[in-house]
Protein backbone atom coordinates (compact mmCIF):
# COMPACT_ATOMS: atom_id res chain seq x y z
CA LYS A 1 0.00 0.00 0.00
CA LYS A 2 1.17 3.51 -0.69
CA LEU A 3 -0.29 6.95 -0.37
CA CYS A 4 0.43 9.30 -3.28
CA LEU A 5 0.07 12.96 -2.34
CA MET A 6 -0.75 15.78 -4.74
CA SER A 7 2.75 17.20 -4.10
CA GLY A 8 4.21 14.06 -5.70
CA GLU A 9 5.42 12.63 -2.41
CA ILE A 10 4.76 8.92 -1.90
CA ILE A 11 4.29 7.54 1.61
CA ALA A 12 4.72 3.79 2.02
CA MET A 13 2.25 2.10 4.35
CA SER A 14 2.82 -1.19 6.14
CA ASP A 15 0.23 -3.96 6.24
CA VAL A 16 -0.87 -3.02 9.75
CA MET A 17 -1.49 0.62 8.86
CA SER A 18 -4.94 1.92 7.97
CA MET A 19 -6.14 5.38 7.05
CA ILE A 20 -9.44 7.13 7.47
CA PHE A 21 -10.29 10.08 5.24
CA GLU A 22 -13.01 12.56 6.00
CA PRO A 23 -13.61 14.58 2.82
CA MET A 24 -15.89 17.60 2.75
CA ASP A 25 -17.61 16.21 -0.35
CA LEU A 26 -17.20 13.71 -3.17
CA LEU A 27 -17.36 16.16 -6.06
CA VAL A 28 -14.08 15.01 -7.64
CA ALA A 29 -14.08 11.38 -6.46
CA SER A 30 -14.24 8.81 -9.23
CA PRO A 31 -16.25 5.59 -8.86
CA ALA A 32 -12.92 3.71 -8.69
CA THR A 33 -11.77 5.85 -5.75
CA VAL A 34 -15.01 5.27 -3.90
CA SER A 35 -14.92 1.50 -4.43
CA ARG A 36 -11.23 1.10 -3.52
CA CYS A 37 -11.42 3.20 -0.39
CA GLY A 38 -14.81 1.96 0.72
CA MET A 39 -16.07 5.52 1.17
CA VAL A 40 -19.35 6.28 2.81
CA TYR A 41 -20.56 9.86 2.53
CA MET A 42 -23.00 11.22 5.04
CA GLU A 43 -24.11 14.81 5.48
CA PRO A 44 -23.14 16.08 8.95
CA GLU A 45 -26.57 17.69 9.24
CA GLN A 46 -28.24 14.29 8.81
CA LEU A 47 -26.36 12.79 11.74
CA GLY A 48 -26.84 15.70 14.12
CA TRP A 49 -25.01 16.17 17.41
CA GLN A 50 -27.13 13.91 19.65
CA PRO A 51 -25.39 10.59 18.75
CA ILE A 52 -22.02 12.16 19.58
CA LEU A 53 -23.33 13.24 22.98
CA GLU A 54 -24.86 9.81 23.68
CA SER A 55 -21.58 8.11 22.82
CA TRP A 56 -19.67 10.46 25.14
CA LEU A 57 -22.14 9.95 28.00
CA ALA A 58 -21.98 6.16 27.61
CA LYS A 59 -18.19 6.31 27.83
CA TRP A 60 -18.27 7.86 31.32
CA LYS A 61 -21.32 6.09 32.75
CA VAL A 62 -20.69 4.07 35.92
CA LYS A 63 -20.23 0.39 35.08
CA PRO A 64 -22.35 -2.10 37.06
CA VAL A 65 -20.48 -3.66 39.94
CA LYS A 66 -19.43 -7.21 39.14
CA ALA A 67 -19.51 -10.07 41.62
CA VAL A 68 -16.00 -10.39 42.94
CA VAL A 69 -14.61 -13.66 44.18
CA GLU A 70 -12.89 -13.32 47.54
CA THR A 71 -9.36 -13.47 46.13
CA ASN A 72 -6.74 -10.80 45.82
CA GLU A 73 -6.29 -11.50 42.09
CA ALA A 74 -9.97 -10.95 41.26
CA ALA A 75 -10.12 -7.80 43.38
CA ALA A 76 -6.97 -6.45 41.74
CA SER A 77 -8.29 -7.08 38.22
CA VAL A 78 -11.59 -5.30 38.96
CA ALA A 79 -9.76 -2.41 40.64
CA ALA A 80 -7.44 -2.09 37.62
CA GLU A 81 -10.42 -2.02 35.25
CA TYR A 82 -12.10 0.81 37.14
CA ALA A 83 -8.85 2.74 37.69
CA THR A 84 -8.50 3.24 33.94
CA ASN A 85 -11.51 5.59 33.89
CA GLU A 86 -10.61 9.22 34.41
CA PHE A 87 -13.99 9.78 36.04
CA GLU A 88 -17.38 8.14 36.16
CA LEU A 89 -20.87 9.61 36.03
CA SER A 90 -23.83 8.14 37.87
CA GLU A 91 -27.09 7.51 36.04
CA GLU A 92 -28.56 10.62 37.67
CA GLU A 93 -25.60 12.76 36.56
CA VAL A 94 -25.82 11.41 33.02
CA GLU A 95 -29.52 12.29 32.86
CA ARG A 96 -28.91 15.80 34.22
CA LEU A 97 -26.13 16.40 31.70
CA ARG A 98 -28.36 15.09 28.90
CA LEU A 99 -31.10 17.54 29.94
CA LEU A 100 -28.63 20.43 30.09
CA PHE A 101 -27.26 19.61 26.65
CA ASP A 102 -30.77 19.27 25.19
CA TRP A 103 -31.67 22.63 26.68
CA LEU A 104 -28.53 24.61 25.81
CA VAL A 105 -26.66 23.17 22.82
CA GLU A 106 -29.20 23.90 20.08
CA PRO A 107 -29.70 27.59 21.05
CA CYS A 108 -25.93 28.05 21.35
CA MET A 109 -25.38 26.50 17.90
CA CYS A 110 -28.02 28.86 16.49
CA LEU A 111 -26.26 31.81 18.13
CA VAL A 112 -22.94 30.80 16.60
CA ARG A 113 -24.47 30.34 13.15
CA ARG A 114 -26.67 33.48 13.09
CA GLU A 115 -24.97 36.10 15.25
CA LEU A 116 -21.25 35.36 15.26
CA LYS A 117 -18.61 35.39 12.57
CA GLU A 118 -16.28 32.39 12.66
CA VAL A 119 -12.65 32.82 11.67
CA SER A 120 -12.58 29.20 10.52
CA PRO A 121 -15.83 27.53 9.42
CA THR A 122 -17.05 24.72 11.69
CA VAL A 123 -19.73 22.10 11.71
CA ASP A 124 -22.02 21.40 14.66
CA SER A 125 -20.39 18.05 15.39
CA GLY A 126 -16.95 19.70 15.56
CA LEU A 127 -18.20 22.33 17.99
CA LEU A 128 -19.79 19.65 20.17
CA GLU A 129 -16.58 17.56 20.15
CA SER A 130 -14.64 20.61 21.34
CA LEU A 131 -17.22 21.28 24.06
CA LEU A 132 -17.10 17.66 25.23
CA GLY A 133 -13.30 17.73 25.28
CA LEU A 134 -13.32 20.82 27.49
CA LEU A 135 -16.02 19.34 29.73
CA SER A 136 -13.99 16.14 30.11
CA CYS A 137 -10.99 18.17 31.29
CA PHE A 138 -13.08 20.10 33.83
CA LEU A 139 -14.82 16.96 35.11
CA ARG A 140 -11.59 14.99 35.38
CA ASP A 141 -10.04 17.75 37.50
CA GLY A 142 -13.19 18.69 39.39
CA ILE A 143 -14.84 15.45 40.47
CA PRO A 144 -13.53 14.24 43.82
CA GLY A 145 -13.16 10.51 44.27
CA THR A 146 -11.91 9.82 40.75
CA ALA A 147 -8.95 7.64 39.82
CA LYS A 148 -6.73 10.70 40.25
CA ASP A 149 -7.46 11.14 43.96
CA GLY A 150 -9.20 7.95 45.09
CA LYS A 151 -9.40 9.08 48.73
CA ALA A 152 -11.79 12.03 48.39
CA PRO A 153 -15.53 11.41 48.91
CA ARG A 154 -17.87 11.59 45.93
CA PHE A 155 -20.18 14.62 45.72
CA LYS A 156 -23.07 15.24 43.36
CA LEU A 157 -21.91 16.62 40.04
CA VAL A 158 -24.88 18.87 39.37
CA GLU A 159 -27.15 20.33 42.04
């Protein structure tokens, strides 16, 4: 496999390498390009921002507690699994965040599109990804009792 750039540069790819392209449109793509690359084109407006939010919320939702056998090995494996999460959200916190996003994201997107001038054009999904990235940073640093500081008690995220 090799990637031929418009500049004439050729980048060799190993068998274990894969690439994902996200084109703005398929105006200049030939049928051969589409079939070789396995392209699927979907309008960002058709997807919307809600599936991105649901995926993010599912990532941080508290996992159900598993039955642990009374051995040190089993306890260590479960503890290691949960220590990999930067933070966890309870079902109540997930629902409150979902309600806040449903209430605020759409009006904010409308404000950005109608009232503000963007230096670099964005799509709604890109704005939401940026918002979720910032929120992840704030939650990771702000929620006591996370993997970072396992000793602090857990408080409610949203009052």
